[in-house]
Amino acid sequence: MSIVNNKLSPTLTTLLSELRDECLSTIKLIHQLDIEHLTEEQIEDVLGDLTVSITHLQTHSAIVKEELYKL
């Protein structure tokens, strides 16, 4: 994204970076569900963290969308 950074506002650049990080976090959580022999407590913890991450993605995506419409 560094090539495009000079064409985007600093706010949008930061928001996109944060969105990328949250997407990666969500993917990591989804991959954790593939681990064999998870206990019920571990599954519940991952699902709880996944719910928070997805909610954050929804909120953050809406903010990024607003910034993109300003272009």
PDB file of N, CA and C in Angstrom:
ATOM      1  N   MET A   1       0.820  -1.192   0.000  1.00  0.00           N
ATOM      2  CA  MET A   1       0.000   0.000   0.000  1.00  0.00           C
ATOM      3  C   MET A   1       0.865   1.257   0.000  1.00  0.00           C
ATOM      4  N   SER A   2       2.155   1.140   0.198  1.00  0.00           N
ATOM      5  CA  SER A   2       3.012   2.313   0.294  1.00  0.00           C
ATOM      6  C   SER A   2       3.048   3.121  -1.003  1.00  0.00           C
ATOM      7  N   ILE A   3       2.870   2.487  -2.141  1.00  0.00           N
ATOM      8  CA  ILE A   3       2.874   3.204  -3.415  1.00  0.00           C
ATOM      9  C   ILE A   3       1.665   4.126  -3.506  1.00  0.00           C
ATOM     10  N   VAL A   4       0.559   3.710  -2.977  1.00  0.00           N
ATOM     11  CA  VAL A   4      -0.677   4.475  -3.049  1.00  0.00           C
ATOM     12  C   VAL A   4      -0.774   5.505  -1.928  1.00  0.00           C
ATOM     13  N   ASN A   5      -0.022   5.331  -0.859  1.00  0.00           N
ATOM     14  CA  ASN A   5      -0.125   6.202   0.308  1.00  0.00           C
ATOM     15  C   ASN A   5      -0.031   7.684  -0.036  1.00  0.00           C
ATOM     16  N   ASN A   6       0.811   8.048  -1.000  1.00  0.00           N
ATOM     17  CA  ASN A   6       0.962   9.462  -1.321  1.00  0.00           C
ATOM     18  C   ASN A   6      -0.262  10.030  -2.035  1.00  0.00           C
ATOM     19  N   LYS A   7      -1.162   9.194  -2.487  1.00  0.00           N
ATOM     20  CA  LYS A   7      -2.376   9.654  -3.155  1.00  0.00           C
ATOM     21  C   LYS A   7      -3.592   9.647  -2.225  1.00  0.00           C
ATOM     22  N   LEU A   8      -3.448   9.058  -1.039  1.00  0.00           N
ATOM     23  CA  LEU A   8      -4.543   8.965  -0.083  1.00  0.00           C
ATOM     24  C   LEU A   8      -4.281   9.898   1.085  1.00  0.00           C
ATOM     25  N   SER A   9      -5.349  10.292   1.727  1.00  0.00           N
ATOM     26  CA  SER A   9      -5.196  11.126   2.913  1.00  0.00           C
ATOM     27  C   SER A   9      -4.535  10.313   4.018  1.00  0.00           C
ATOM     28  N   PRO A  10      -3.855  10.971   4.925  1.00  0.00           N
ATOM     29  CA  PRO A  10      -3.250  10.247   6.058  1.00  0.00           C
ATOM     30  C   PRO A  10      -4.306   9.485   6.869  1.00  0.00           C
ATOM     31  N   THR A  11      -5.495  10.064   6.982  1.00  0.00           N
ATOM     32  CA  THR A  11      -6.567   9.391   7.722  1.00  0.00           C
ATOM     33  C   THR A  11      -6.950   8.083   7.050  1.00  0.00           C
ATOM     34  N   LEU A  12      -7.165   8.126   5.748  1.00  0.00           N
ATOM     35  CA  LEU A  12      -7.562   6.915   5.023  1.00  0.00           C
ATOM     36  C   LEU A  12      -6.439   5.887   5.041  1.00  0.00           C
ATOM     37  N   THR A  13      -5.211   6.327   4.920  1.00  0.00           N
ATOM     38  CA  THR A  13      -4.078   5.406   4.975  1.00  0.00           C
ATOM     39  C   THR A  13      -4.036   4.676   6.312  1.00  0.00           C
ATOM     40  N   THR A  14      -4.230   5.421   7.383  1.00  0.00           N
ATOM     41  CA  THR A  14      -4.248   4.817   8.719  1.00  0.00           C
ATOM     42  C   THR A  14      -5.411   3.860   8.873  1.00  0.00           C
ATOM     43  N   LEU A  15      -6.588   4.277   8.420  1.00  0.00           N
ATOM     44  CA  LEU A  15      -7.777   3.426   8.529  1.00  0.00           C
ATOM     45  C   LEU A  15      -7.606   2.124   7.747  1.00  0.00           C
ATOM     46  N   LEU A  16      -7.023   2.206   6.566  1.00  0.00           N
ATOM     47  CA  LEU A  16      -6.812   0.995   5.762  1.00  0.00           C
ATOM     48  C   LEU A  16      -5.798   0.069   6.415  1.00  0.00           C
ATOM     49  N   SER A  17      -4.792   0.635   7.010  1.00  0.00           N
ATOM     50  CA  SER A  17      -3.804  -0.171   7.715  1.00  0.00           C
ATOM     51  C   SER A  17      -4.444  -0.894   8.904  1.00  0.00           C
ATOM     52  N   GLU A  18      -5.266  -0.171   9.650  1.00  0.00           N
ATOM     53  CA  GLU A  18      -5.952  -0.776  10.788  1.00  0.00           C
ATOM     54  C   GLU A  18      -6.940  -1.850  10.331  1.00  0.00           C
ATOM     55  N   LEU A  19      -7.610  -1.599   9.206  1.00  0.00           N
ATOM     56  CA  LEU A  19      -8.549  -2.589   8.666  1.00  0.00           C
ATOM     57  C   LEU A  19      -7.813  -3.857   8.246  1.00  0.00           C
ATOM     58  N   ARG A  20      -6.672  -3.686   7.601  1.00  0.00           N
ATOM     59  CA  ARG A  20      -5.852  -4.839   7.207  1.00  0.00           C
ATOM     60  C   ARG A  20      -5.449  -5.656   8.434  1.00  0.00           C
ATOM     61  N   ASP A  21      -5.008  -4.970   9.476  1.00  0.00           N
ATOM     62  CA  ASP A  21      -4.593  -5.661  10.705  1.00  0.00           C
ATOM     63  C   ASP A  21      -5.753  -6.434  11.326  1.00  0.00           C
ATOM     64  N   GLU A  22      -6.936  -5.843  11.331  1.00  0.00           N
ATOM     65  CA  GLU A  22      -8.095  -6.518  11.912  1.00  0.00           C
ATOM     66  C   GLU A  22      -8.512  -7.708  11.052  1.00  0.00           C
ATOM     67  N   CYS A  23      -8.410  -7.574   9.733  1.00  0.00           N
ATOM     68  CA  CYS A  23      -8.702  -8.709   8.846  1.00  0.00           C
ATOM     69  C   CYS A  23      -7.757  -9.871   9.136  1.00  0.00           C
ATOM     70  N   LEU A  24      -6.488  -9.570   9.295  1.00  0.00           N
ATOM     71  CA  LEU A  24      -5.510 -10.617   9.609  1.00  0.00           C
ATOM     72  C   LEU A  24      -5.813 -11.276  10.951  1.00  0.00           C
ATOM     73  N   SER A  25      -6.220 -10.468  11.910  1.00  0.00           N
ATOM     74  CA  SER A  25      -6.588 -11.005  13.223  1.00  0.00           C
ATOM     75  C   SER A  25      -7.784 -11.951  13.102  1.00  0.00           C
ATOM     76  N   THR A  26      -8.765 -11.561  12.302  1.00  0.00           N
ATOM     77  CA  THR A  26      -9.952 -12.387  12.093  1.00  0.00           C
ATOM     78  C   THR A  26      -9.574 -13.713  11.432  1.00  0.00           C
ATOM     79  N   ILE A  27      -8.717 -13.640  10.442  1.00  0.00           N
ATOM     80  CA  ILE A  27      -8.266 -14.854   9.751  1.00  0.00           C
ATOM     81  C   ILE A  27      -7.547 -15.788  10.717  1.00  0.00           C
ATOM     82  N   LYS A  28      -6.697 -15.229  11.573  1.00  0.00           N
ATOM     83  CA  LYS A  28      -5.979 -16.053  12.558  1.00  0.00           C
ATOM     84  C   LYS A  28      -6.963 -16.761  13.493  1.00  0.00           C
ATOM     85  N   LEU A  29      -7.995 -16.043  13.906  1.00  0.00           N
ATOM     86  CA  LEU A  29      -8.994 -16.656  14.784  1.00  0.00           C
ATOM     87  C   LEU A  29      -9.734 -17.783  14.070  1.00  0.00           C
ATOM     88  N   ILE A  30     -10.069 -17.570  12.817  1.00  0.00           N
ATOM     89  CA  ILE A  30     -10.756 -18.615  12.049  1.00  0.00           C
ATOM     90  C   ILE A  30      -9.861 -19.846  11.924  1.00  0.00           C
ATOM     91  N   HIS A  31      -8.578 -19.622  11.694  1.00  0.00           N
ATOM     92  CA  HIS A  31      -7.643 -20.745  11.593  1.00  0.00           C
ATOM     93  C   HIS A  31      -7.510 -21.487  12.922  1.00  0.00           C
ATOM     94  N   GLN A  32      -7.641 -20.781  14.023  1.00  0.00           N
ATOM     95  CA  GLN A  32      -7.563 -21.440  15.328  1.00  0.00           C
ATOM     96  C   GLN A  32      -8.675 -22.474  15.491  1.00  0.00           C
ATOM     97  N   LEU A  33      -9.797 -22.254  14.840  1.00  0.00           N
ATOM     98  CA  LEU A  33     -10.902 -23.210  14.929  1.00  0.00           C
ATOM     99  C   LEU A  33     -10.584 -24.512  14.207  1.00  0.00           C
ATOM    100  N   ASP A  34      -9.557 -24.508  13.368  1.00  0.00           N
ATOM    101  CA  ASP A  34      -9.136 -25.716  12.660  1.00  0.00           C
ATOM    102  C   ASP A  34      -8.235 -26.612  13.503  1.00  0.00           C
ATOM    103  N   ILE A  35      -7.779 -26.103  14.644  1.00  0.00           N
ATOM    104  CA  ILE A  35      -6.878 -26.876  15.503  1.00  0.00           C
ATOM    105  C   ILE A  35      -7.644 -28.047  16.114  1.00  0.00           C
ATOM    106  N   GLU A  36      -7.060 -29.211  16.003  1.00  0.00           N
ATOM    107  CA  GLU A  36      -7.703 -30.402  16.566  1.00  0.00           C
ATOM    108  C   GLU A  36      -7.596 -30.402  18.086  1.00  0.00           C
ATOM    109  N   HIS A  37      -8.524 -31.055  18.702  1.00  0.00           N
ATOM    110  CA  HIS A  37      -8.533 -31.289  20.145  1.00  0.00           C
ATOM    111  C   HIS A  37      -8.661 -30.019  20.992  1.00  0.00           C
ATOM    112  N   LEU A  38      -9.379 -29.020  20.460  1.00  0.00           N
ATOM    113  CA  LEU A  38      -9.663 -27.837  21.272  1.00  0.00           C
ATOM    114  C   LEU A  38     -10.680 -28.218  22.344  1.00  0.00           C
ATOM    115  N   THR A  39     -10.493 -27.681  23.513  1.00  0.00           N
ATOM    116  CA  THR A  39     -11.485 -27.918  24.568  1.00  0.00           C
ATOM    117  C   THR A  39     -12.700 -27.024  24.303  1.00  0.00           C
ATOM    118  N   GLU A  40     -13.793 -27.342  24.960  1.00  0.00           N
ATOM    119  CA  GLU A  40     -14.998 -26.521  24.803  1.00  0.00           C
ATOM    120  C   GLU A  40     -14.713 -25.077  25.220  1.00  0.00           C
ATOM    121  N   GLU A  41     -13.936 -24.919  26.285  1.00  0.00           N
ATOM    122  CA  GLU A  41     -13.601 -23.572  26.756  1.00  0.00           C
ATOM    123  C   GLU A  41     -12.773 -22.813  25.725  1.00  0.00           C
ATOM    124  N   GLN A  42     -11.837 -23.495  25.092  1.00  0.00           N
ATOM    125  CA  GLN A  42     -11.021 -22.853  24.061  1.00  0.00           C
ATOM    126  C   GLN A  42     -11.873 -22.451  22.860  1.00  0.00           C
ATOM    127  N   ILE A  43     -12.788 -23.320  22.480  1.00  0.00           N
ATOM    128  CA  ILE A  43     -13.685 -23.007  21.364  1.00  0.00           C
ATOM    129  C   ILE A  43     -14.529 -21.786  21.701  1.00  0.00           C
ATOM    130  N   GLU A  44     -15.072 -21.751  22.906  1.00  0.00           N
ATOM    131  CA  GLU A  44     -15.885 -20.613  23.328  1.00  0.00           C
ATOM    132  C   GLU A  44     -15.066 -19.330  23.331  1.00  0.00           C
ATOM    133  N   ASP A  45     -13.829 -19.405  23.793  1.00  0.00           N
ATOM    134  CA  ASP A  45     -12.959 -18.221  23.808  1.00  0.00           C
ATOM    135  C   ASP A  45     -12.690 -17.712  22.395  1.00  0.00           C
ATOM    136  N   VAL A  46     -12.369 -18.627  21.486  1.00  0.00           N
ATOM    137  CA  VAL A  46     -12.088 -18.238  20.104  1.00  0.00           C
ATOM    138  C   VAL A  46     -13.342 -17.649  19.471  1.00  0.00           C
ATOM    139  N   LEU A  47     -14.494 -18.279  19.685  1.00  0.00           N
ATOM    140  CA  LEU A  47     -15.737 -17.756  19.108  1.00  0.00           C
ATOM    141  C   LEU A  47     -16.088 -16.385  19.682  1.00  0.00           C
ATOM    142  N   GLY A  48     -15.824 -16.183  20.957  1.00  0.00           N
ATOM    143  CA  GLY A  48     -16.054 -14.877  21.557  1.00  0.00           C
ATOM    144  C   GLY A  48     -15.146 -13.817  20.942  1.00  0.00           C
ATOM    145  N   ASP A  49     -13.862 -14.160  20.805  1.00  0.00           N
ATOM    146  CA  ASP A  49     -12.908 -13.235  20.193  1.00  0.00           C
ATOM    147  C   ASP A  49     -13.270 -12.979  18.731  1.00  0.00           C
ATOM    148  N   LEU A  50     -13.742 -13.994  18.053  1.00  0.00           N
ATOM    149  CA  LEU A  50     -14.146 -13.856  16.656  1.00  0.00           C
ATOM    150  C   LEU A  50     -15.350 -12.930  16.532  1.00  0.00           C
ATOM    151  N   THR A  51     -16.285 -13.040  17.443  1.00  0.00           N
ATOM    152  CA  THR A  51     -17.457 -12.155  17.436  1.00  0.00           C
ATOM    153  C   THR A  51     -17.028 -10.695  17.596  1.00  0.00           C
ATOM    154  N   VAL A  52     -16.110 -10.460  18.526  1.00  0.00           N
ATOM    155  CA  VAL A  52     -15.606  -9.098  18.743  1.00  0.00           C
ATOM    156  C   VAL A  52     -14.885  -8.595  17.497  1.00  0.00           C
ATOM    157  N   SER A  53     -14.054  -9.437  16.907  1.00  0.00           N
ATOM    158  CA  SER A  53     -13.290  -9.057  15.729  1.00  0.00           C
ATOM    159  C   SER A  53     -14.201  -8.737  14.549  1.00  0.00           C
ATOM    160  N   ILE A  54     -15.202  -9.543  14.336  1.00  0.00           N
ATOM    161  CA  ILE A  54     -16.134  -9.317  13.223  1.00  0.00           C
ATOM    162  C   ILE A  54     -16.927  -8.034  13.440  1.00  0.00           C
ATOM    163  N   THR A  55     -17.337  -7.799  14.673  1.00  0.00           N
ATOM    164  CA  THR A  55     -18.059  -6.568  14.985  1.00  0.00           C
ATOM    165  C   THR A  55     -17.171  -5.356  14.718  1.00  0.00           C
ATOM    166  N   HIS A  56     -15.909  -5.466  15.113  1.00  0.00           N
ATOM    167  CA  HIS A  56     -14.956  -4.386  14.855  1.00  0.00           C
ATOM    168  C   HIS A  56     -14.766  -4.182  13.358  1.00  0.00           C
ATOM    169  N   LEU A  57     -14.705  -5.266  12.603  1.00  0.00           N
ATOM    170  CA  LEU A  57     -14.578  -5.157  11.141  1.00  0.00           C
ATOM    171  C   LEU A  57     -15.765  -4.423  10.535  1.00  0.00           C
ATOM    172  N   GLN A  58     -16.958  -4.745  10.989  1.00  0.00           N
ATOM    173  CA  GLN A  58     -18.151  -4.082  10.466  1.00  0.00           C
ATOM    174  C   GLN A  58     -18.099  -2.579  10.724  1.00  0.00           C
ATOM    175  N   THR A  59     -17.774  -2.205  11.944  1.00  0.00           N
ATOM    176  CA  THR A  59     -17.721  -0.796  12.310  1.00  0.00           C
ATOM    177  C   THR A  59     -16.607  -0.081  11.551  1.00  0.00           C
ATOM    178  N   HIS A  60     -15.457  -0.688  11.544  1.00  0.00           N
ATOM    179  CA  HIS A  60     -14.295  -0.082  10.887  1.00  0.00           C
ATOM    180  C   HIS A  60     -14.522   0.027   9.377  1.00  0.00           C
ATOM    181  N   SER A  61     -15.144  -0.971   8.783  1.00  0.00           N
ATOM    182  CA  SER A  61     -15.425  -0.945   7.349  1.00  0.00           C
ATOM    183  C   SER A  61     -16.347   0.208   6.982  1.00  0.00           C
ATOM    184  N   ALA A  62     -17.305   0.480   7.830  1.00  0.00           N
ATOM    185  CA  ALA A  62     -18.228   1.589   7.579  1.00  0.00           C
ATOM    186  C   ALA A  62     -17.480   2.924   7.580  1.00  0.00           C
ATOM    187  N   ILE A  63     -16.531   3.072   8.482  1.00  0.00           N
ATOM    188  CA  ILE A  63     -15.747   4.301   8.548  1.00  0.00           C
ATOM    189  C   ILE A  63     -14.857   4.438   7.311  1.00  0.00           C
ATOM    190  N   VAL A  64     -14.233   3.351   6.908  1.00  0.00           N
ATOM    191  CA  VAL A  64     -13.399   3.363   5.701  1.00  0.00           C
ATOM    192  C   VAL A  64     -14.258   3.705   4.484  1.00  0.00           C
ATOM    193  N   LYS A  65     -15.426   3.136   4.417  1.00  0.00           N
ATOM    194  CA  LYS A  65     -16.340   3.400   3.297  1.00  0.00           C
ATOM    195  C   LYS A  65     -16.679   4.887   3.219  1.00  0.00           C
ATOM    196  N   GLU A  66     -16.952   5.516   4.352  1.00  0.00           N
ATOM    197  CA  GLU A  66     -17.243   6.950   4.378  1.00  0.00           C
ATOM    198  C   GLU A  66     -16.055   7.753   3.844  1.00  0.00           C
ATOM    199  N   GLU A  67     -14.853   7.380   4.246  1.00  0.00           N
ATOM    200  CA  GLU A  67     -13.651   8.079   3.780  1.00  0.00           C
ATOM    201  C   GLU A  67     -13.448   7.894   2.272  1.00  0.00           C
ATOM    202  N   LEU A  68     -13.750   6.701   1.787  1.00  0.00           N
ATOM    203  CA  LEU A  68     -13.598   6.453   0.350  1.00  0.00           C
ATOM    204  C   LEU A  68     -14.588   7.279  -0.464  1.00  0.00           C
ATOM    205  N   TYR A  69     -15.785   7.477   0.060  1.00  0.00           N
ATOM    206  CA  TYR A  69     -16.767   8.281  -0.646  1.00  0.00           C
ATOM    207  C   TYR A  69     -16.355   9.747  -0.742  1.00  0.00           C
ATOM    208  N   LYS A  70     -15.477  10.182   0.145  1.00  0.00           N
ATOM    209  CA  LYS A  70     -14.999  11.565   0.133  1.00  0.00           C
ATOM    210  C   LYS A  70     -14.009  11.821  -1.001  1.00  0.00           C
ATOM    211  N   LEU A  71     -13.459  10.758  -1.568  1.00  0.00           N
ATOM    212  CA  LEU A  71     -12.445  10.933  -2.631  1.00  0.00           C
ATOM    213  C   LEU A  71     -13.032  11.499  -3.904  1.00  0.00           C
TER     214      LEU A  71
END
